């Protein structure tokens, strides 16, 4: 519950927060510091989340598993009436991040399959070419970083290099 000491401390925090905001239309935009795009205020060496402090002071139930986001869509807004307490996946969707893990994993698998279609003959052709990696990748429909891996011998190594890891040191024909 509120004691005189905790009430004074909370009021000082809220006064500090209010001093760093500017009223723009219905929103109270934060003019203080940001960390990873979120408004923060420092109390000594502790970094405190401004929206969470405001939501807790207004009596909204904020737990560790919840995040506080501005419901108005303004990323700088810290207005009490605009703040919504949401779960972590909801906050990620609010931020526009891809929360569908299965779709992300599927896209990674498709990218890996593109690199998997390089045959031994195609790898030899890439190694022999004098074009830069981006041009060579566009020719064969693979990523330019994979062309670089082929050329430096980290991907699609010739059979002679796979059998003896010291073949380049020993001067064996590749």
C-alpha atoms as a PDB file:
ATOM      1  CA  UNK A   1       0.000   0.000   0.000  1.00  0.00           C
ATOM      2  CA  UNK A   2       1.006   3.627  -0.256  1.00  0.00           C
ATOM      3  CA  UNK A   3       3.074   5.044   2.562  1.00  0.00           C
ATOM      4  CA  UNK A   4       4.164   8.650   2.771  1.00  0.00           C
ATOM      5  CA  UNK A   5       7.668   7.727   1.610  1.00  0.00           C
ATOM      6  CA  UNK A   6       6.570   5.610  -1.392  1.00  0.00           C
ATOM      7  CA  UNK A   7       3.904   8.148  -2.365  1.00  0.00           C
ATOM      8  CA  UNK A   8       6.481  10.972  -2.392  1.00  0.00           C
ATOM      9  CA  UNK A   9       8.919   8.878  -4.412  1.00  0.00           C
ATOM     10  CA  UNK A  10       6.246   8.009  -6.995  1.00  0.00           C
ATOM     11  CA  UNK A  11       5.099  11.632  -7.228  1.00  0.00           C
ATOM     12  CA  UNK A  12       8.677  12.792  -7.822  1.00  0.00           C
ATOM     13  CA  UNK A  13       9.105  10.178 -10.549  1.00  0.00           C
ATOM     14  CA  UNK A  14       5.865  11.234 -12.231  1.00  0.00           C
ATOM     15  CA  UNK A  15       6.838  14.905 -11.996  1.00  0.00           C
ATOM     16  CA  UNK A  16      10.194  14.087 -13.619  1.00  0.00           C
ATOM     17  CA  UNK A  17       8.408  12.165 -16.380  1.00  0.00           C
ATOM     18  CA  UNK A  18       5.927  15.001 -16.903  1.00  0.00           C
ATOM     19  CA  UNK A  19       8.763  17.514 -17.214  1.00  0.00           C
ATOM     20  CA  UNK A  20      10.191  15.504 -20.122  1.00  0.00           C
ATOM     21  CA  UNK A  21       6.961  15.340 -22.143  1.00  0.00           C
ATOM     22  CA  UNK A  22       5.315  17.693 -24.620  1.00  0.00           C
ATOM     23  CA  UNK A  23       1.597  17.711 -25.358  1.00  0.00           C
ATOM     24  CA  UNK A  24       0.940  17.151 -29.077  1.00  0.00           C
ATOM     25  CA  UNK A  25      -2.776  16.844 -29.821  1.00  0.00           C
ATOM     26  CA  UNK A  26      -4.145  14.123 -27.530  1.00  0.00           C
ATOM     27  CA  UNK A  27      -0.721  12.549 -26.978  1.00  0.00           C
ATOM     28  CA  UNK A  28       1.998  13.307 -24.470  1.00  0.00           C
ATOM     29  CA  UNK A  29       5.192  12.794 -26.475  1.00  0.00           C
ATOM     30  CA  UNK A  30       8.364  11.754 -24.659  1.00  0.00           C
ATOM     31  CA  UNK A  31      11.317  14.114 -25.100  1.00  0.00           C
ATOM     32  CA  UNK A  32      13.744  12.242 -22.854  1.00  0.00           C
ATOM     33  CA  UNK A  33      16.065   9.337 -23.579  1.00  0.00           C
ATOM     34  CA  UNK A  34      15.300   6.212 -25.565  1.00  0.00           C
ATOM     35  CA  UNK A  35      16.790   2.733 -25.368  1.00  0.00           C
ATOM     36  CA  UNK A  36      15.909   0.390 -28.259  1.00  0.00           C
ATOM     37  CA  UNK A  37      13.115   2.766 -29.291  1.00  0.00           C
ATOM     38  CA  UNK A  38      11.422   2.773 -25.893  1.00  0.00           C
ATOM     39  CA  UNK A  39      11.291   5.731 -23.489  1.00  0.00           C
ATOM     40  CA  UNK A  40      13.444   5.294 -20.398  1.00  0.00           C
ATOM     41  CA  UNK A  41      14.353   7.413 -17.403  1.00  0.00           C
ATOM     42  CA  UNK A  42      17.305   6.908 -15.085  1.00  0.00           C
ATOM     43  CA  UNK A  43      17.078   6.896 -11.308  1.00  0.00           C
ATOM     44  CA  UNK A  44      20.641   6.783 -10.090  1.00  0.00           C
ATOM     45  CA  UNK A  45      22.151   3.885 -12.023  1.00  0.00           C
ATOM     46  CA  UNK A  46      18.829   2.108 -12.580  1.00  0.00           C
ATOM     47  CA  UNK A  47      17.100   2.377 -15.947  1.00  0.00           C
ATOM     48  CA  UNK A  48      13.313   2.504 -15.613  1.00  0.00           C
ATOM     49  CA  UNK A  49      10.704   2.062 -18.352  1.00  0.00           C
ATOM     50  CA  UNK A  50       8.543   5.182 -18.500  1.00  0.00           C
ATOM     51  CA  UNK A  51       5.360   3.572 -19.832  1.00  0.00           C
ATOM     52  CA  UNK A  52       5.520   0.829 -17.205  1.00  0.00           C
ATOM     53  CA  UNK A  53       5.952   3.393 -14.412  1.00  0.00           C
ATOM     54  CA  UNK A  54       2.968   5.411 -15.640  1.00  0.00           C
ATOM     55  CA  UNK A  55       0.763   2.315 -16.011  1.00  0.00           C
ATOM     56  CA  UNK A  56       1.662   1.059 -12.531  1.00  0.00           C
ATOM     57  CA  UNK A  57       1.041   4.485 -10.992  1.00  0.00           C
ATOM     58  CA  UNK A  58      -2.417   4.603 -12.596  1.00  0.00           C
ATOM     59  CA  UNK A  59      -3.309   1.182 -11.158  1.00  0.00           C
ATOM     60  CA  UNK A  60      -3.113  -0.945 -14.301  1.00  0.00           C
ATOM     61  CA  UNK A  61      -2.024  -4.551 -13.621  1.00  0.00           C
ATOM     62  CA  UNK A  62       1.489  -4.837 -15.079  1.00  0.00           C
ATOM     63  CA  UNK A  63       3.413  -8.085 -14.546  1.00  0.00           C
ATOM     64  CA  UNK A  64       6.789  -9.285 -15.803  1.00  0.00           C
ATOM     65  CA  UNK A  65       5.087 -11.213 -18.623  1.00  0.00           C
ATOM     66  CA  UNK A  66       3.264  -8.119 -19.893  1.00  0.00           C
ATOM     67  CA  UNK A  67       4.390  -5.083 -21.865  1.00  0.00           C
ATOM     68  CA  UNK A  68       2.963  -1.588 -22.008  1.00  0.00           C
ATOM     69  CA  UNK A  69       2.426  -0.148 -25.500  1.00  0.00           C
ATOM     70  CA  UNK A  70       0.783   3.058 -26.723  1.00  0.00           C
ATOM     71  CA  UNK A  71      -2.663   2.228 -28.082  1.00  0.00           C
ATOM     72  CA  UNK A  72      -2.785   5.372 -30.213  1.00  0.00           C
ATOM     73  CA  UNK A  73      -0.014   4.184 -32.552  1.00  0.00           C
ATOM     74  CA  UNK A  74       2.360   7.057 -31.748  1.00  0.00           C
ATOM     75  CA  UNK A  75       5.665   5.461 -30.727  1.00  0.00           C
ATOM     76  CA  UNK A  76       6.619   8.506 -28.631  1.00  0.00           C
ATOM     77  CA  UNK A  77       3.336   8.651 -26.691  1.00  0.00           C
ATOM     78  CA  UNK A  78       3.406   8.097 -22.916  1.00  0.00           C
ATOM     79  CA  UNK A  79      -0.109   9.386 -22.202  1.00  0.00           C
ATOM     80  CA  UNK A  80      -1.830   7.376 -19.458  1.00  0.00           C
ATOM     81  CA  UNK A  81      -5.147   7.085 -21.312  1.00  0.00           C
ATOM     82  CA  UNK A  82      -3.439   5.735 -24.450  1.00  0.00           C
ATOM     83  CA  UNK A  83      -1.356   3.033 -22.752  1.00  0.00           C
ATOM     84  CA  UNK A  84      -2.405  -0.614 -23.107  1.00  0.00           C
ATOM     85  CA  UNK A  85      -1.043  -3.578 -21.156  1.00  0.00           C
ATOM     86  CA  UNK A  86      -0.597  -6.501 -23.575  1.00  0.00           C
ATOM     87  CA  UNK A  87       1.167  -9.853 -23.754  1.00  0.00           C
ATOM     88  CA  UNK A  88       4.581 -10.177 -25.392  1.00  0.00           C
ATOM     89  CA  UNK A  89       3.299 -11.681 -28.707  1.00  0.00           C
ATOM     90  CA  UNK A  90       0.667  -8.924 -28.945  1.00  0.00           C
ATOM     91  CA  UNK A  91       3.329  -6.274 -28.383  1.00  0.00           C
ATOM     92  CA  UNK A  92       5.515  -7.798 -31.105  1.00  0.00           C
ATOM     93  CA  UNK A  93       2.564  -7.767 -33.497  1.00  0.00           C
ATOM     94  CA  UNK A  94       1.949  -4.136 -32.505  1.00  0.00           C
ATOM     95  CA  UNK A  95       5.571  -3.329 -33.378  1.00  0.00           C
ATOM     96  CA  UNK A  96       5.153  -5.009 -36.773  1.00  0.00           C
ATOM     97  CA  UNK A  97       7.526  -7.893 -36.150  1.00  0.00           C
ATOM     98  CA  UNK A  98       6.958 -11.341 -37.579  1.00  0.00           C
ATOM     99  CA  UNK A  99       5.628 -13.403 -34.679  1.00  0.00           C
ATOM    100  CA  UNK A 100       4.792 -16.442 -36.793  1.00  0.00           C
ATOM    101  CA  UNK A 101       7.754 -18.675 -36.021  1.00  0.00           C
ATOM    102  CA  UNK A 102       6.602 -21.398 -38.417  1.00  0.00           C
ATOM    103  CA  UNK A 103       6.538 -19.007 -41.390  1.00  0.00           C
ATOM    104  CA  UNK A 104      10.007 -17.726 -40.449  1.00  0.00           C
ATOM    105  CA  UNK A 105      11.415 -21.260 -40.218  1.00  0.00           C
ATOM    106  CA  UNK A 106       9.806 -22.156 -43.554  1.00  0.00           C
ATOM    107  CA  UNK A 107      11.451 -19.162 -45.252  1.00  0.00           C
ATOM    108  CA  UNK A 108      14.831 -20.178 -43.778  1.00  0.00           C
ATOM    109  CA  UNK A 109      14.367 -23.727 -45.107  1.00  0.00           C
ATOM    110  CA  UNK A 110      13.539 -22.394 -48.586  1.00  0.00           C
ATOM    111  CA  UNK A 111      16.695 -20.263 -48.543  1.00  0.00           C
ATOM    112  CA  UNK A 112      18.762 -23.298 -47.569  1.00  0.00           C
ATOM    113  CA  UNK A 113      17.245 -25.352 -50.388  1.00  0.00           C
ATOM    114  CA  UNK A 114      18.291 -22.686 -52.882  1.00  0.00           C
ATOM    115  CA  UNK A 115      21.893 -23.172 -51.797  1.00  0.00           C
ATOM    116  CA  UNK A 116      21.507 -26.949 -51.890  1.00  0.00           C
ATOM    117  CA  UNK A 117      20.948 -27.064 -55.651  1.00  0.00           C
ATOM    118  CA  UNK A 118      24.603 -26.353 -56.444  1.00  0.00           C
ATOM    119  CA  UNK A 119      26.191 -29.416 -58.052  1.00  0.00           C
ATOM    120  CA  UNK A 120      29.883 -30.270 -58.179  1.00  0.00           C
ATOM    121  CA  UNK A 121      30.119 -29.103 -61.794  1.00  0.00           C
ATOM    122  CA  UNK A 122      28.366 -25.805 -61.029  1.00  0.00           C
ATOM    123  CA  UNK A 123      30.697 -25.216 -58.061  1.00  0.00           C
ATOM    124  CA  UNK A 124      33.705 -25.777 -60.344  1.00  0.00           C
ATOM    125  CA  UNK A 125      32.240 -23.327 -62.849  1.00  0.00           C
ATOM    126  CA  UNK A 126      31.764 -20.716 -60.094  1.00  0.00           C
ATOM    127  CA  UNK A 127      35.353 -21.190 -58.893  1.00  0.00           C
ATOM    128  CA  UNK A 128      36.707 -20.750 -62.435  1.00  0.00           C
ATOM    129  CA  UNK A 129      34.662 -17.618 -63.163  1.00  0.00           C
ATOM    130  CA  UNK A 130      36.191 -14.140 -62.900  1.00  0.00           C
ATOM    131  CA  UNK A 131      32.863 -12.339 -62.285  1.00  0.00           C
ATOM    132  CA  UNK A 132      32.217 -10.821 -58.878  1.00  0.00           C
ATOM    133  CA  UNK A 133      30.074 -12.722 -56.368  1.00  0.00           C
ATOM    134  CA  UNK A 134      26.877 -10.734 -56.962  1.00  0.00           C
ATOM    135  CA  UNK A 135      26.903 -11.242 -60.740  1.00  0.00           C
ATOM    136  CA  UNK A 136      27.752 -14.925 -60.372  1.00  0.00           C
ATOM    137  CA  UNK A 137      24.984 -15.420 -57.801  1.00  0.00           C
ATOM    138  CA  UNK A 138      22.411 -13.763 -60.083  1.00  0.00           C
ATOM    139  CA  UNK A 139      23.411 -16.115 -62.927  1.00  0.00           C
ATOM    140  CA  UNK A 140      22.792 -19.251 -60.882  1.00  0.00           C
ATOM    141  CA  UNK A 141      19.976 -18.109 -58.586  1.00  0.00           C
ATOM    142  CA  UNK A 142      21.852 -18.402 -55.288  1.00  0.00           C
ATOM    143  CA  UNK A 143      22.928 -15.884 -52.659  1.00  0.00           C
ATOM    144  CA  UNK A 144      26.187 -13.989 -53.201  1.00  0.00           C
ATOM    145  CA  UNK A 145      27.506 -15.033 -49.781  1.00  0.00           C
ATOM    146  CA  UNK A 146      27.183 -18.673 -50.861  1.00  0.00           C
ATOM    147  CA  UNK A 147      29.288 -17.916 -53.958  1.00  0.00           C
ATOM    148  CA  UNK A 148      31.918 -16.507 -51.627  1.00  0.00           C
ATOM    149  CA  UNK A 149      31.809 -19.667 -49.491  1.00  0.00           C
ATOM    150  CA  UNK A 150      32.241 -21.829 -52.597  1.00  0.00           C
ATOM    151  CA  UNK A 151      35.232 -19.798 -53.768  1.00  0.00           C
ATOM    152  CA  UNK A 152      37.026 -19.909 -50.420  1.00  0.00           C
ATOM    153  CA  UNK A 153      36.436 -23.666 -50.118  1.00  0.00           C
ATOM    154  CA  UNK A 154      34.010 -23.696 -47.190  1.00  0.00           C
ATOM    155  CA  UNK A 155      31.044 -24.955 -49.257  1.00  0.00           C
ATOM    156  CA  UNK A 156      30.843 -27.506 -52.100  1.00  0.00           C
ATOM    157  CA  UNK A 157      34.450 -28.584 -51.681  1.00  0.00           C
ATOM    158  CA  UNK A 158      35.932 -30.862 -54.345  1.00  0.00           C
ATOM    159  CA  UNK A 159      36.056 -34.570 -53.539  1.00  0.00           C
ATOM    160  CA  UNK A 160      39.865 -34.543 -53.213  1.00  0.00           C
ATOM    161  CA  UNK A 161      39.704 -31.844 -50.518  1.00  0.00           C
ATOM    162  CA  UNK A 162      37.000 -33.722 -48.617  1.00  0.00           C
ATOM    163  CA  UNK A 163      39.007 -36.903 -48.412  1.00  0.00           C
ATOM    164  CA  UNK A 164      42.223 -35.282 -47.129  1.00  0.00           C
ATOM    165  CA  UNK A 165      41.929 -32.052 -45.125  1.00  0.00           C
ATOM    166  CA  UNK A 166      45.643 -31.325 -45.710  1.00  0.00           C
ATOM    167  CA  UNK A 167      45.464 -31.620 -49.510  1.00  0.00           C
ATOM    168  CA  UNK A 168      46.103 -27.913 -50.064  1.00  0.00           C
ATOM    169  CA  UNK A 169      49.073 -27.907 -47.677  1.00  0.00           C
ATOM    170  CA  UNK A 170      50.590 -30.988 -49.278  1.00  0.00           C
ATOM    171  CA  UNK A 171      50.265 -29.599 -52.804  1.00  0.00           C
ATOM    172  CA  UNK A 172      47.882 -32.289 -54.003  1.00  0.00           C
ATOM    173  CA  UNK A 173      45.894 -31.510 -57.156  1.00  0.00           C
ATOM    174  CA  UNK A 174      42.410 -30.283 -56.406  1.00  0.00           C
END
